[in-house]
Protein backbone atom coordinates (compact mmCIF):
# COMPACT_ATOMS: atom_id res chain seq x y z
CA MET A 1 -4.43 -21.87 2.59
CA LEU A 2 -3.03 -24.69 0.42
CA LYS A 3 -2.04 -26.82 3.45
CA GLN A 4 -5.42 -26.12 5.04
CA SER A 5 -7.21 -27.34 1.91
CA VAL A 6 -5.19 -30.55 1.82
CA ARG A 7 -5.81 -31.18 5.53
CA ILE A 8 -9.56 -30.76 5.06
CA PHE A 9 -9.54 -33.13 2.11
CA SER A 10 -7.52 -35.73 4.02
CA ARG A 11 -9.84 -35.51 7.00
CA ASN A 12 -12.86 -36.07 4.76
CA LEU A 13 -11.15 -38.96 3.02
CA LYS A 14 -10.77 -40.76 6.35
CA SER A 15 -14.40 -40.35 7.35
CA GLN A 16 -16.69 -43.31 6.95
CA SER A 17 -19.39 -41.33 5.24
CA PHE A 18 -16.93 -39.90 2.73
CA SER A 19 -15.50 -43.34 2.02
CA ARG A 20 -18.98 -44.59 1.19
CA GLY A 21 -19.41 -41.61 -1.08
CA LEU A 22 -16.47 -42.76 -3.22
CA GLN A 23 -18.46 -45.76 -4.37
CA ALA A 24 -21.11 -43.90 -6.35
CA PRO A 25 -22.14 -40.45 -7.59
CA ILE A 26 -23.68 -38.39 -4.82
CA PRO A 27 -26.80 -36.34 -5.56
CA GLY A 28 -25.76 -32.78 -4.87
CA LYS A 29 -27.29 -29.36 -4.92
CA PHE A 30 -25.82 -28.56 -8.32
CA GLY A 31 -26.20 -31.90 -10.07
CA TYR A 32 -24.03 -34.92 -9.30
CA LYS A 33 -20.64 -34.72 -7.61
CA ARG A 34 -18.12 -37.52 -8.13
CA PRO A 35 -15.41 -37.49 -5.44
CA ILE A 36 -12.68 -39.05 -7.60
CA ALA A 37 -8.94 -39.10 -7.40
CA GLY A 38 -8.58 -36.06 -9.60
CA LEU A 39 -9.95 -33.97 -6.79
CA VAL A 40 -6.82 -34.72 -4.80
CA LEU A 41 -4.85 -32.77 -7.33
CA GLY A 42 -7.54 -30.09 -7.34
CA ALA A 43 -7.31 -29.78 -3.57
CA ALA A 44 -3.56 -29.55 -3.75
CA ILE A 45 -3.44 -26.77 -6.31
CA GLY A 46 -6.84 -25.13 -6.00
CA GLY A 47 -6.13 -23.21 -2.79
CA SER A 48 -9.05 -21.25 -1.51
CA LEU A 49 -11.28 -22.37 -4.38
CA ALA A 50 -10.87 -25.99 -3.36
CA LEU A 51 -11.57 -25.08 0.26
CA SER A 52 -14.75 -23.34 -0.82
CA ASP A 53 -15.89 -26.32 -2.91
CA TRP A 54 -15.25 -28.78 -0.10
CA SER A 55 -17.15 -26.72 2.45
CA ILE A 56 -20.15 -26.90 0.13
CA TYR A 57 -19.63 -30.62 -0.36
CA ASN A 58 -19.62 -31.21 3.40
CA ASP A 59 -23.07 -29.63 3.54
CA GLN A 60 -24.37 -32.53 1.44
CA PHE A 61 -24.61 -34.49 4.68
CA SER A 62 -26.92 -31.97 6.36
CA SER A 63 -30.57 -32.86 6.85
CA THR A 64 -31.76 -29.45 5.66
CA THR A 65 -30.66 -27.05 2.93
CA PRO A 66 -30.66 -23.31 3.68
CA LEU A 67 -31.04 -21.19 0.56
CA GLN A 68 -27.74 -19.40 1.08
CA GLU A 69 -25.84 -22.69 0.77
CA LEU A 70 -26.97 -23.18 -2.81
CA GLN A 71 -25.43 -21.94 -5.99
CA PRO A 72 -27.75 -20.80 -8.79
CA PRO A 73 -29.24 -23.61 -10.90
CA GLN A 74 -27.53 -24.08 -14.25
CA TYR A 75 -30.22 -24.27 -16.94
CA CYS A 76 -29.85 -24.54 -20.69
CA GLN A 77 -29.14 -21.05 -22.02
CA ASP A 78 -27.83 -21.96 -25.47
CA GLU A 79 -30.15 -21.34 -28.42
CA VAL A 80 -28.65 -24.12 -30.50
CA GLU A 81 -28.79 -26.69 -27.70
CA PHE A 82 -32.37 -25.74 -26.84
CA SER A 83 -33.41 -26.02 -30.50
CA GLU A 84 -31.78 -29.44 -30.77
CA ALA A 85 -33.56 -30.57 -27.61
CA VAL A 86 -36.89 -29.31 -28.96
CA GLU A 87 -36.43 -31.43 -32.08
CA LYS A 88 -35.89 -34.47 -29.86
CA LEU A 89 -39.02 -33.59 -27.90
CA LYS A 90 -41.08 -33.31 -31.08
CA ALA A 91 -39.76 -36.70 -32.18
CA VAL A 92 -41.09 -38.25 -28.96
CA LEU A 93 -44.52 -37.08 -30.10
CA ASN A 94 -43.91 -38.40 -33.64
CA ASN A 95 -43.54 -34.86 -34.94
CA ASP A 96 -47.32 -34.58 -34.80
CA THR A 97 -48.04 -30.87 -35.15
CA ALA A 98 -51.20 -31.30 -33.06
CA SER A 99 -49.05 -32.49 -30.15
CA PHE A 100 -47.05 -29.30 -29.70
CA SER A 101 -47.47 -25.57 -30.19
CA VAL A 102 -45.31 -22.47 -30.38
CA SER A 103 -48.09 -20.04 -31.31
CA LYS A 104 -48.21 -16.78 -29.39
CA GLU A 105 -51.75 -17.53 -28.24
CA SER A 106 -50.69 -20.88 -26.76
CA LEU A 107 -47.57 -19.48 -25.11
CA ASP A 108 -49.57 -16.63 -23.57
CA SER A 109 -52.44 -18.81 -22.30
CA HIS A 110 -49.97 -21.22 -20.68
CA SER A 111 -48.20 -18.41 -18.83
CA ASP A 112 -50.89 -16.37 -17.09
CA THR A 113 -54.59 -15.65 -16.57
CA TYR A 114 -56.35 -12.41 -15.73
CA PHE A 115 -57.49 -13.87 -12.39
CA ASN A 116 -53.96 -14.79 -11.28
CA SER A 117 -52.71 -12.87 -8.27
CA HIS A 118 -49.10 -13.12 -9.44
CA HIS A 119 -48.85 -12.21 -13.10
CA ALA A 120 -46.14 -13.25 -15.53
CA THR A 121 -43.95 -10.55 -17.05
CA PRO A 122 -44.00 -10.17 -20.86
CA GLU A 123 -40.69 -12.03 -20.99
CA GLN A 124 -41.97 -14.98 -18.97
CA ARG A 125 -43.18 -17.12 -21.85
CA PRO A 126 -42.14 -20.74 -22.51
CA GLY A 127 -40.35 -21.93 -25.61
CA ILE A 128 -42.87 -24.63 -26.52
CA ILE A 129 -46.06 -26.31 -25.30
CA LEU A 130 -46.12 -30.12 -25.48
CA TYR A 131 -49.27 -32.26 -25.38
CA PRO A 132 -48.19 -35.80 -24.43
CA HIS A 133 -50.50 -38.80 -24.92
CA THR A 134 -49.17 -41.28 -22.37
CA THR A 135 -47.12 -41.62 -19.22
CA GLN A 136 -44.33 -43.00 -21.40
CA ASP A 137 -44.39 -39.81 -23.50
CA VAL A 138 -43.97 -37.76 -20.32
CA SER A 139 -41.11 -40.01 -19.23
CA GLU A 140 -39.24 -39.62 -22.53
CA ILE A 141 -39.80 -35.86 -22.51
CA LEU A 142 -38.43 -35.51 -18.99
CA LYS A 143 -35.39 -37.63 -19.83
CA ILE A 144 -34.51 -35.18 -22.60
CA CYS A 145 -35.21 -32.10 -20.46
CA HIS A 146 -33.15 -33.57 -17.62
CA GLU A 147 -30.25 -34.27 -19.97
CA HIS A 148 -30.24 -30.69 -21.25
CA ALA A 149 -31.24 -29.02 -17.94
CA ILE A 150 -34.41 -27.54 -19.44
CA PRO A 151 -37.08 -26.32 -16.99
CA VAL A 152 -40.47 -28.05 -17.24
CA VAL A 153 -43.78 -26.59 -16.05
CA PRO A 154 -46.65 -29.11 -15.71
CA PHE A 155 -50.06 -27.75 -16.74
CA SER A 156 -53.60 -29.10 -16.56
CA GLY A 157 -56.65 -26.85 -16.07
CA GLY A 158 -54.80 -23.58 -15.56
CA THR A 159 -57.20 -22.40 -12.83
CA SER A 160 -54.61 -21.86 -10.08
CA LEU A 161 -54.34 -18.40 -8.57
CA GLU A 162 -50.86 -17.79 -7.12
CA GLY A 163 -48.69 -17.88 -10.25
CA HIS A 164 -48.28 -21.66 -10.11
CA PHE A 165 -47.59 -22.12 -13.81
CA VAL A 166 -45.69 -18.91 -14.57
CA PRO A 167 -42.60 -19.97 -16.59
CA THR A 168 -40.11 -18.07 -14.47
CA ARG A 169 -37.18 -19.23 -16.61
CA SER A 170 -38.76 -17.74 -19.75
CA LYS A 171 -38.15 -18.98 -23.30
CA TRP A 172 -35.88 -21.81 -22.19
CA THR A 173 -38.86 -23.56 -20.60
CA VAL A 174 -41.07 -26.44 -21.77
CA VAL A 175 -44.71 -26.61 -20.68
CA LEU A 176 -46.28 -30.07 -20.38
CA ASP A 177 -50.04 -29.73 -20.93
CA LEU A 178 -51.85 -32.94 -20.02
CA SER A 179 -55.35 -31.59 -20.66
CA MET A 180 -55.60 -32.22 -24.39
CA ASN A 181 -54.66 -35.89 -24.74
CA MET A 182 -54.41 -37.34 -21.23
CA ASN A 183 -58.02 -36.75 -20.21
CA LYS A 184 -59.50 -40.24 -20.03
CA ILE A 185 -61.40 -42.02 -17.29
CA LEU A 186 -59.62 -45.36 -17.38
CA LYS A 187 -61.52 -47.69 -15.08
CA LEU A 188 -64.20 -47.63 -12.40
CA ASN A 189 -63.74 -50.18 -9.64
CA ASP A 190 -67.30 -49.92 -8.42
CA LEU A 191 -67.06 -52.61 -5.75
CA ASP A 192 -64.02 -50.85 -4.27
CA LEU A 193 -65.46 -47.34 -4.69
CA ASP A 194 -62.49 -45.94 -6.58
CA VAL A 195 -61.83 -44.78 -10.13
CA GLU A 196 -58.63 -44.70 -12.19
CA VAL A 197 -58.14 -41.55 -14.28
CA GLN A 198 -55.56 -39.62 -16.27
CA ALA A 199 -54.36 -36.29 -14.93
CA GLY A 200 -56.13 -34.17 -17.55
CA VAL A 201 -59.66 -35.28 -16.63
CA PRO A 202 -61.80 -32.27 -15.62
CA TRP A 203 -63.29 -32.89 -12.20
CA GLU A 204 -66.77 -31.90 -13.42
CA ASP A 205 -66.60 -34.56 -16.15
CA LEU A 206 -65.54 -37.13 -13.57
CA ASN A 207 -68.37 -36.08 -11.28
CA ASP A 208 -70.92 -36.35 -14.11
CA TYR A 209 -69.63 -39.83 -14.98
CA LEU A 210 -69.78 -40.96 -11.35
CA GLY A 211 -73.17 -39.33 -10.81
CA GLU A 212 -74.75 -41.64 -13.39
CA LYS A 213 -73.67 -44.52 -11.16
CA GLY A 214 -74.88 -43.02 -7.90
CA LEU A 215 -71.41 -41.85 -6.88
CA LEU A 216 -69.54 -38.57 -6.57
CA PHE A 217 -66.03 -37.10 -6.46
CA GLY A 218 -65.49 -35.80 -2.93
CA CYS A 219 -63.76 -32.52 -3.73
CA ASP A 220 -65.53 -29.56 -5.30
CA PRO A 221 -62.92 -27.06 -6.54
CA GLY A 222 -63.46 -24.19 -8.96
CA PRO A 223 -64.84 -24.76 -12.46
CA GLY A 224 -62.26 -25.97 -14.99
CA ALA A 225 -59.89 -27.62 -12.52
CA GLN A 226 -58.48 -30.99 -13.59
CA ILE A 227 -57.38 -33.97 -11.54
CA GLY A 228 -53.63 -33.42 -12.02
CA GLY A 229 -53.89 -29.85 -10.80
CA CYS A 230 -56.22 -30.87 -7.97
CA ILE A 231 -53.52 -33.25 -6.76
CA ALA A 232 -50.64 -30.84 -7.32
CA ASN A 233 -52.35 -28.03 -5.39
CA SER A 234 -54.12 -30.18 -2.79
CA CYS A 235 -57.52 -28.77 -3.71
CA SER A 236 -60.69 -29.04 -1.69
CA GLY A 237 -63.79 -26.84 -2.15
CA THR A 238 -67.29 -26.65 -0.76
CA ASN A 239 -67.62 -30.39 -0.07
CA ALA A 240 -64.40 -30.72 1.92
CA TYR A 241 -66.20 -30.38 5.25
CA ARG A 242 -68.04 -33.65 4.55
CA TYR A 243 -65.76 -35.61 2.20
CA GLY A 244 -62.29 -34.25 2.92
CA THR A 245 -59.65 -32.54 0.80
CA MET A 246 -57.64 -34.09 -2.02
CA LYS A 247 -55.27 -35.55 0.56
CA GLU A 248 -58.08 -37.75 1.84
CA ASN A 249 -59.39 -38.68 -1.61
CA VAL A 250 -56.36 -40.08 -3.45
CA VAL A 251 -55.67 -43.81 -3.33
CA ASN A 252 -52.51 -43.80 -5.45
CA ILE A 253 -50.61 -41.70 -7.97
CA THR A 254 -48.64 -42.52 -11.10
CA ALA A 255 -45.99 -39.86 -11.56
CA VAL A 256 -42.84 -39.18 -13.53
CA LEU A 257 -39.77 -37.88 -11.71
CA ALA A 258 -37.41 -35.25 -13.03
CA ASP A 259 -35.09 -37.75 -14.73
CA GLY A 260 -37.93 -39.64 -16.42
CA THR A 261 -38.33 -42.38 -13.81
CA VAL A 262 -41.95 -43.57 -13.59
CA ILE A 263 -43.31 -44.42 -10.14
CA LYS A 264 -46.62 -45.58 -8.71
CA THR A 265 -46.96 -44.53 -5.09
CA LYS A 266 -48.89 -47.60 -3.87
CA ARG A 267 -51.45 -50.19 -4.90
CA ARG A 268 -55.20 -49.88 -4.26
CA PRO A 269 -55.93 -50.75 -0.64
CA ARG A 270 -57.89 -48.18 1.34
CA LYS A 271 -55.22 -48.36 4.04
CA SER A 272 -51.54 -49.23 4.09
CA SER A 273 -48.67 -48.78 6.54
CA ALA A 274 -46.06 -49.99 4.04
CA GLY A 275 -43.25 -47.49 3.57
CA TYR A 276 -43.30 -43.73 3.26
CA ASN A 277 -46.51 -41.89 2.42
CA LEU A 278 -45.55 -40.86 -1.10
CA ASN A 279 -49.10 -39.70 -1.81
CA GLY A 280 -48.74 -37.19 0.99
CA LEU A 281 -45.42 -36.02 -0.44
CA LEU A 282 -46.73 -35.40 -3.96
CA ILE A 283 -50.16 -33.98 -3.09
CA GLY A 284 -49.64 -30.25 -2.71
CA SER A 285 -46.12 -30.26 -4.17
CA GLU A 286 -47.31 -28.04 -7.05
CA GLY A 287 -45.40 -29.90 -9.74
CA THR A 288 -42.02 -29.29 -8.13
CA LEU A 289 -41.27 -32.94 -7.30
CA ALA A 290 -42.90 -34.93 -10.12
CA VAL A 291 -45.40 -34.76 -12.96
CA VAL A 292 -48.64 -36.53 -12.06
CA THR A 293 -49.96 -38.51 -15.05
CA GLU A 294 -52.57 -40.86 -13.54
CA ALA A 295 -54.30 -41.39 -10.22
CA THR A 296 -56.78 -43.62 -8.48
CA ILE A 297 -59.41 -41.50 -6.75
CA LYS A 298 -61.85 -42.48 -4.02
CA CYS A 299 -65.55 -42.35 -4.87
CA HIS A 300 -68.32 -41.53 -2.43
CA VAL A 301 -71.93 -42.67 -2.49
CA LYS A 302 -74.24 -39.80 -3.39
CA PRO A 303 -76.78 -38.93 -0.74
CA ILE A 304 -80.09 -40.56 -1.54
CA LYS A 305 -81.76 -37.33 -0.53
CA GLU A 306 -80.20 -33.88 -0.28
CA THR A 307 -81.50 -30.38 0.18
CA VAL A 308 -80.08 -26.88 0.56
CA ALA A 309 -80.93 -24.47 3.38
CA VAL A 310 -80.03 -20.78 3.62
CA GLY A 311 -79.98 -18.44 6.60
CA SER A 312 -78.97 -14.77 6.93
CA PHE A 313 -77.37 -13.33 10.08
CA PRO A 314 -76.74 -9.88 11.59
CA THR A 315 -72.95 -10.24 11.50
CA VAL A 316 -70.20 -12.56 10.32
CA GLY A 317 -69.54 -13.31 13.98
CA ASP A 318 -73.10 -14.55 14.44
CA ALA A 319 -72.83 -16.77 11.36
CA ALA A 320 -69.49 -18.17 12.53
CA ALA A 321 -70.89 -18.85 15.99
CA CYS A 322 -73.75 -20.77 14.38
CA THR A 323 -71.36 -23.02 12.45
CA SER A 324 -69.30 -23.71 15.56
CA ARG A 325 -72.41 -24.66 17.53
CA LEU A 326 -73.60 -27.01 14.77
CA ILE A 327 -70.23 -28.76 14.77
CA GLN A 328 -70.11 -28.99 18.55
CA GLU A 329 -73.59 -30.52 18.64
CA GLY A 330 -72.56 -33.14 16.09
CA ILE A 331 -75.20 -32.19 13.54
CA GLN A 332 -74.09 -33.88 10.30
CA LEU A 333 -73.99 -31.58 7.28
CA ASN A 334 -72.54 -32.01 3.80
CA ALA A 335 -71.43 -28.38 3.42
CA MET A 336 -71.46 -25.06 5.28
CA GLU A 337 -70.61 -22.00 3.21
CA LEU A 338 -70.47 -18.34 4.25
CA LEU A 339 -71.03 -15.36 1.95
CA ASP A 340 -70.67 -11.92 3.52
CA ASP A 341 -73.00 -8.96 3.02
CA ASN A 342 -70.87 -7.49 0.23
CA MET A 343 -71.01 -10.77 -1.64
CA MET A 344 -74.80 -10.96 -1.36
CA LYS A 345 -75.09 -7.40 -2.72
CA VAL A 346 -72.92 -8.28 -5.71
CA ILE A 347 -75.00 -11.40 -6.44
CA ASN A 348 -78.20 -9.34 -6.41
CA ARG A 349 -76.69 -6.71 -8.71
CA ALA A 350 -75.24 -9.31 -11.06
CA GLY A 351 -78.59 -10.98 -11.65
CA ALA A 352 -76.76 -14.23 -12.37
CA THR A 353 -79.10 -16.34 -10.22
CA TYR A 354 -82.79 -17.14 -10.53
CA LYS A 355 -83.39 -15.47 -7.17
CA THR A 356 -82.47 -11.75 -7.17
CA ASP A 357 -83.81 -10.55 -3.83
CA TRP A 358 -81.30 -12.10 -1.46
CA ILE A 359 -81.14 -10.51 1.99
CA GLU A 360 -77.92 -8.49 1.91
CA LYS A 361 -76.52 -9.80 5.17
CA PRO A 362 -73.87 -12.42 6.00
CA THR A 363 -75.47 -15.64 4.79
CA LEU A 364 -74.84 -19.32 5.46
CA PHE A 365 -75.59 -21.96 2.84
CA PHE A 366 -76.03 -25.54 4.06
CA LYS A 367 -76.15 -28.85 2.20
CA ILE A 368 -78.10 -31.44 4.16
CA GLY A 369 -78.18 -35.10 3.11
CA GLY A 370 -79.78 -38.31 4.31
CA ARG A 371 -81.45 -41.57 3.37
CA ASN A 372 -85.03 -40.28 3.43
CA ASP A 373 -87.19 -37.20 3.83
CA ASN A 374 -87.73 -37.79 7.54
CA ILE A 375 -84.00 -37.62 8.24
CA ILE A 376 -83.68 -34.52 6.07
CA SER A 377 -86.56 -32.81 7.88
CA GLU A 378 -85.08 -33.63 11.26
CA VAL A 379 -81.67 -32.17 10.36
CA VAL A 380 -83.25 -29.09 8.76
CA GLY A 381 -85.13 -28.50 11.99
CA GLU A 382 -81.96 -28.80 14.06
CA VAL A 383 -80.10 -26.37 11.80
CA ASN A 384 -83.00 -23.92 11.97
CA ARG A 385 -83.04 -24.17 15.77
CA VAL A 386 -79.32 -23.40 16.09
CA ALA A 387 -79.51 -20.64 13.47
CA LYS A 388 -82.30 -18.88 15.40
CA MET A 389 -80.17 -19.08 18.55
CA HIS A 390 -77.63 -16.90 16.75
CA GLY A 391 -79.96 -14.24 15.37
CA CYS A 392 -80.83 -15.73 11.99
CA HIS A 393 -83.13 -13.26 10.17
CA LYS A 394 -84.62 -15.63 7.66
CA PHE A 395 -84.22 -19.38 7.25
CA GLU A 396 -85.40 -21.14 4.10
CA PHE A 397 -84.80 -24.53 2.56
CA ALA A 398 -85.47 -26.24 -0.74
CA THR A 399 -88.45 -28.58 -1.01
CA ASN A 400 -87.59 -29.94 -4.47
CA SER A 401 -84.59 -30.34 -6.77
CA ASP A 402 -85.24 -27.12 -8.69
CA GLU A 403 -85.30 -25.04 -5.51
CA LYS A 404 -82.16 -26.81 -4.33
CA LEU A 405 -80.29 -25.78 -7.48
CA GLU A 406 -81.63 -22.23 -7.28
CA LEU A 407 -80.51 -21.77 -3.67
CA TRP A 408 -77.04 -23.26 -4.18
CA GLU A 409 -76.65 -21.30 -7.41
CA ALA A 410 -75.74 -18.18 -5.45
CA ARG A 411 -72.77 -19.90 -3.83
CA LYS A 412 -71.40 -21.16 -7.13
CA ALA A 413 -71.93 -17.78 -8.83
CA ALA A 414 -69.94 -15.85 -6.23
CA LEU A 415 -66.52 -15.52 -7.88
CA TRP A 416 -67.80 -14.83 -11.37
CA SER A 417 -70.31 -12.29 -10.11
CA VAL A 418 -67.46 -10.29 -8.58
CA ILE A 419 -65.29 -10.60 -11.69
CA ASN A 420 -68.10 -9.58 -14.03
CA GLU A 421 -69.06 -6.59 -11.89
CA GLY A 422 -65.47 -5.39 -11.80
CA LYS A 423 -64.99 -5.76 -15.55
CA ALA A 424 -68.28 -3.96 -16.21
CA LYS A 425 -67.03 -0.93 -14.28
CA ASP A 426 -63.52 -0.93 -15.73
CA ALA A 427 -62.20 -3.33 -18.37
CA SER A 428 -58.73 -3.06 -16.83
CA MET A 429 -60.01 -4.12 -13.40
CA ASN A 430 -58.33 -7.14 -11.80
CA VAL A 431 -59.67 -9.47 -9.13
CA TRP A 432 -57.33 -10.76 -6.45
CA THR A 433 -58.65 -14.01 -5.04
CA THR A 434 -56.71 -15.30 -2.07
CA ASP A 435 -57.37 -17.58 0.86
CA VAL A 436 -56.27 -18.40 4.40
CA ALA A 437 -57.45 -20.91 6.99
CA VAL A 438 -57.56 -20.61 10.77
CA PRO A 439 -58.82 -22.64 13.73
CA LEU A 440 -62.60 -22.41 13.95
CA SER A 441 -62.35 -20.53 17.24
CA ARG A 442 -60.53 -17.68 15.44
CA PHE A 443 -62.61 -17.71 12.23
CA SER A 444 -64.93 -14.76 12.86
CA GLU A 445 -62.18 -12.67 14.47
CA VAL A 446 -59.89 -12.92 11.44
CA ILE A 447 -62.70 -12.41 8.92
CA GLU A 448 -64.10 -9.35 10.67
CA ALA A 449 -60.68 -7.70 10.95
CA THR A 450 -60.06 -8.40 7.26
CA LYS A 451 -63.49 -7.04 6.30
CA GLU A 452 -62.88 -3.85 8.24
CA GLU A 453 -59.60 -3.20 6.45
CA MET A 454 -61.08 -3.99 3.04
CA ASN A 455 -64.14 -1.80 3.56
CA THR A 456 -62.05 1.20 4.62
CA SER A 457 -59.68 0.77 1.66
CA GLY A 458 -62.18 1.95 -0.95
CA LEU A 459 -61.61 -1.18 -3.04
CA GLY A 460 -64.48 -3.41 -4.11
CA ASN A 461 -64.41 -6.57 -2.04
CA ALA A 462 -66.27 -9.61 -0.81
CA ILE A 463 -65.65 -12.67 1.35
CA VAL A 464 -66.58 -16.28 0.69
CA GLY A 465 -65.82 -18.86 3.36
CA HIS A 466 -65.85 -22.61 3.84
CA ALA A 467 -67.28 -22.09 7.29
CA GLY A 468 -67.08 -25.73 8.32
CA ASP A 469 -63.28 -25.87 8.19
CA GLY A 470 -62.18 -22.31 8.93
CA ASN A 471 -61.09 -21.50 5.37
CA PHE A 472 -62.13 -18.23 3.71
CA HIS A 473 -61.42 -16.33 0.51
CA ALA A 474 -61.08 -12.59 0.01
CA LEU A 475 -62.02 -11.22 -3.41
CA ILE A 476 -60.57 -7.77 -4.03
CA LEU A 477 -61.14 -5.60 -7.11
CA TYR A 478 -58.30 -3.27 -8.09
CA ASN A 479 -56.82 -1.51 -11.09
CA ASN A 480 -53.12 -1.16 -11.79
CA GLN A 481 -52.86 2.03 -9.73
CA GLN A 482 -54.45 0.27 -6.75
CA ARG A 483 -52.21 -2.80 -6.83
CA SER A 484 -50.10 -1.70 -3.85
CA LYS A 485 -53.19 -1.13 -1.71
CA ALA A 486 -54.55 -4.58 -2.61
CA THR A 487 -51.16 -6.11 -1.82
CA GLU A 488 -51.15 -4.47 1.61
CA ILE A 489 -54.62 -5.85 2.38
CA VAL A 490 -53.63 -9.38 1.36
CA ASP A 491 -50.36 -9.22 3.29
CA ASN A 492 -52.16 -8.12 6.44
CA MET A 493 -54.83 -10.78 5.99
CA VAL A 494 -52.24 -13.55 5.73
CA LYS A 495 -50.20 -12.25 8.66
CA ARG A 496 -53.40 -12.04 10.69
CA ALA A 497 -54.19 -15.68 9.90
CA ILE A 498 -50.69 -16.88 10.79
CA ALA A 499 -50.82 -14.93 14.06
CA ALA A 500 -54.08 -16.77 14.81
CA ASP A 501 -52.24 -20.10 14.46
CA GLY A 502 -53.57 -20.56 10.94
CA THR A 503 -52.08 -21.01 7.48
CA CYS A 504 -51.28 -18.71 4.58
CA THR A 505 -53.39 -20.88 2.28
CA GLY A 506 -56.09 -23.44 2.94
CA GLU A 507 -56.55 -24.69 -0.61
CA HIS A 508 -55.08 -22.36 -3.26
CA GLY A 509 -51.47 -23.33 -2.67
CA VAL A 510 -48.28 -21.29 -2.42
CA GLY A 511 -47.09 -20.85 -6.02
CA ILE A 512 -44.92 -17.76 -6.24
CA GLY A 513 -47.29 -15.40 -4.49
CA LYS A 514 -47.05 -16.86 -0.97
CA ARG A 515 -43.48 -18.14 -0.72
CA THR A 516 -42.55 -15.49 1.84
CA PHE A 517 -45.59 -16.36 3.94
CA LEU A 518 -44.79 -20.08 3.89
CA LEU A 519 -41.45 -19.20 5.47
CA GLU A 520 -43.16 -16.96 8.02
CA GLU A 521 -45.71 -19.67 8.82
CA LEU A 522 -43.34 -22.63 9.20
CA GLY A 523 -39.92 -21.12 9.86
CA ASP A 524 -36.56 -21.95 8.30
CA GLY A 525 -36.28 -25.58 9.40
CA PRO A 526 -39.33 -27.07 7.65
CA VAL A 527 -38.80 -25.03 4.47
CA ASP A 528 -35.11 -25.96 4.36
CA LEU A 529 -36.19 -29.60 4.73
CA MET A 530 -38.58 -29.19 1.80
CA ARG A 531 -35.67 -27.80 -0.21
CA SER A 532 -33.59 -30.87 0.65
CA LEU A 533 -36.40 -33.14 -0.55
CA LYS A 534 -36.63 -31.12 -3.76
CA LEU A 535 -32.90 -31.45 -4.38
CA ALA A 536 -32.93 -35.17 -3.65
CA MET A 537 -35.70 -35.79 -6.19
CA ASP A 538 -34.84 -33.06 -8.69
CA PRO A 539 -31.13 -32.20 -8.29
CA LYS A 540 -31.07 -30.05 -11.44
CA ARG A 541 -34.13 -28.13 -10.23
CA ILE A 542 -35.95 -28.40 -13.57
CA LEU A 543 -39.48 -29.14 -12.32
CA ASN A 544 -41.63 -26.00 -12.01
CA PRO A 545 -38.73 -23.83 -10.82
CA ASP A 546 -39.17 -21.16 -8.15
CA LYS A 547 -42.56 -22.35 -6.86
CA VAL A 548 -43.41 -23.03 -3.18
CA PHE A 549 -39.97 -21.88 -1.96
CA LYS A 550 -36.84 -20.35 -3.44
CA ILE A 551 -34.27 -22.60 -5.11
CA ASP A 552 -31.94 -19.86 -6.33
CA PRO A 553 -29.96 -17.57 -4.00
CA ASN A 554 -30.15 -14.90 -6.72
CA ASP A 555 -33.95 -14.93 -6.55
CA HIS A 556 -34.69 -11.67 -4.73
CA GLU A 557 -38.40 -11.48 -5.52
CA GLU A 558 -40.69 -11.38 -2.50
């Protein structure tokens, strides 16, 4: 074994790639490895241990990183060291007590929400919450955390649903909350139709600001979401059919890497073929590659005129067929949203909308925009024609702004109507909100199969869909005793979507809850490549550990 170890070392020493590696530290899976002369002695006397180490080192030159090749990350586990690091972190924020918190309320609210599908355990609480003021603050904080191998969880609106901000490494974790102090709209470049913002800006505030200038933010995620989280989770929403997802609406990003390095992904042109698409790398990375601190976001011109139309259909299949026909005919719409019959019943019972006599059938909600009333009327007529072709029971549209708000109100009230109904029946009731996306040709098939399973389960449920892009959400009510049944429904729904050549998530992201399904959807190769990118940018694995895919071979959670 000793001779074999020496032979392997000698062979590596002769290789060109290994010779280059002698010139500088090499980013490795466990930190930085320095192939120095002392390793010769280690190889000579280390026997099988040295052989094992060198086999791992050789894997550094692989393009992908299978989980089993990693050793567990080595995080700070020393109370004294962590306390000393925390004092350094407080000093970065000038020891301002308003810029950090260790209260139980803060630690709890930055660990979980009742609408999360993957809940934190009682032990999964961070050690401290930090509220930085600037990108430079974030940089200095990450330098300290990188030095001490302290996990960092970025946080903005806290509206994510798949356990994205659960501090899996417990009390040794720092949470970076950008919502309190980094929430400014920095500059509107009105001639270029873009706006520069900090990561903690709520999207509704941005939309209100832009609306005063005849503009809008293209995405329309859930209430409370902030720009940093929208970027991290690649959000979209009801307007994505017309204006695109976050991927299509970001011009550039200012971000801080794990070691404190500050980068700006590009300048402000609408198009560029210069270098790698770093925007595309960071959008949807869920805080595992960098902390987003600022961004330049595209603005869109608000429709001069816009109305809302609503039509009810015999079945989900009929409604889906209507949306497909509208797309195939090239009829331009700003949004197409589907609420199933269960959802319409809940909205009527909840009484949360001005209108309380909705037809309790699968219902499509349309946003129709144009430059004048004639264009609006023409499009409304075309939508009505296609809807009638597919069995539409009743078609109505708004004739003024008040009616428009009243009709669209039902769509925006959907999630909270379900939550409130569940809580009214049982205070311990949970709501599981999950999503998938499939090709439009498979949309109705996957929804109807999911509805059938949910309806026979005995659990309260409803479906809300972005019908224009094949993305739908299942809302399932369950108590603690029914958790396994809800889990089975969600698992089957996701597997059904993947089998239909779809994705495990259209807009919610992976977090912890869908890591297994990401692997099932993409296979080992792409996920192992993602792991290699993670290790190249964050070799100590401190940024939002355990999200998107596993980074620890001892992580046996599904």
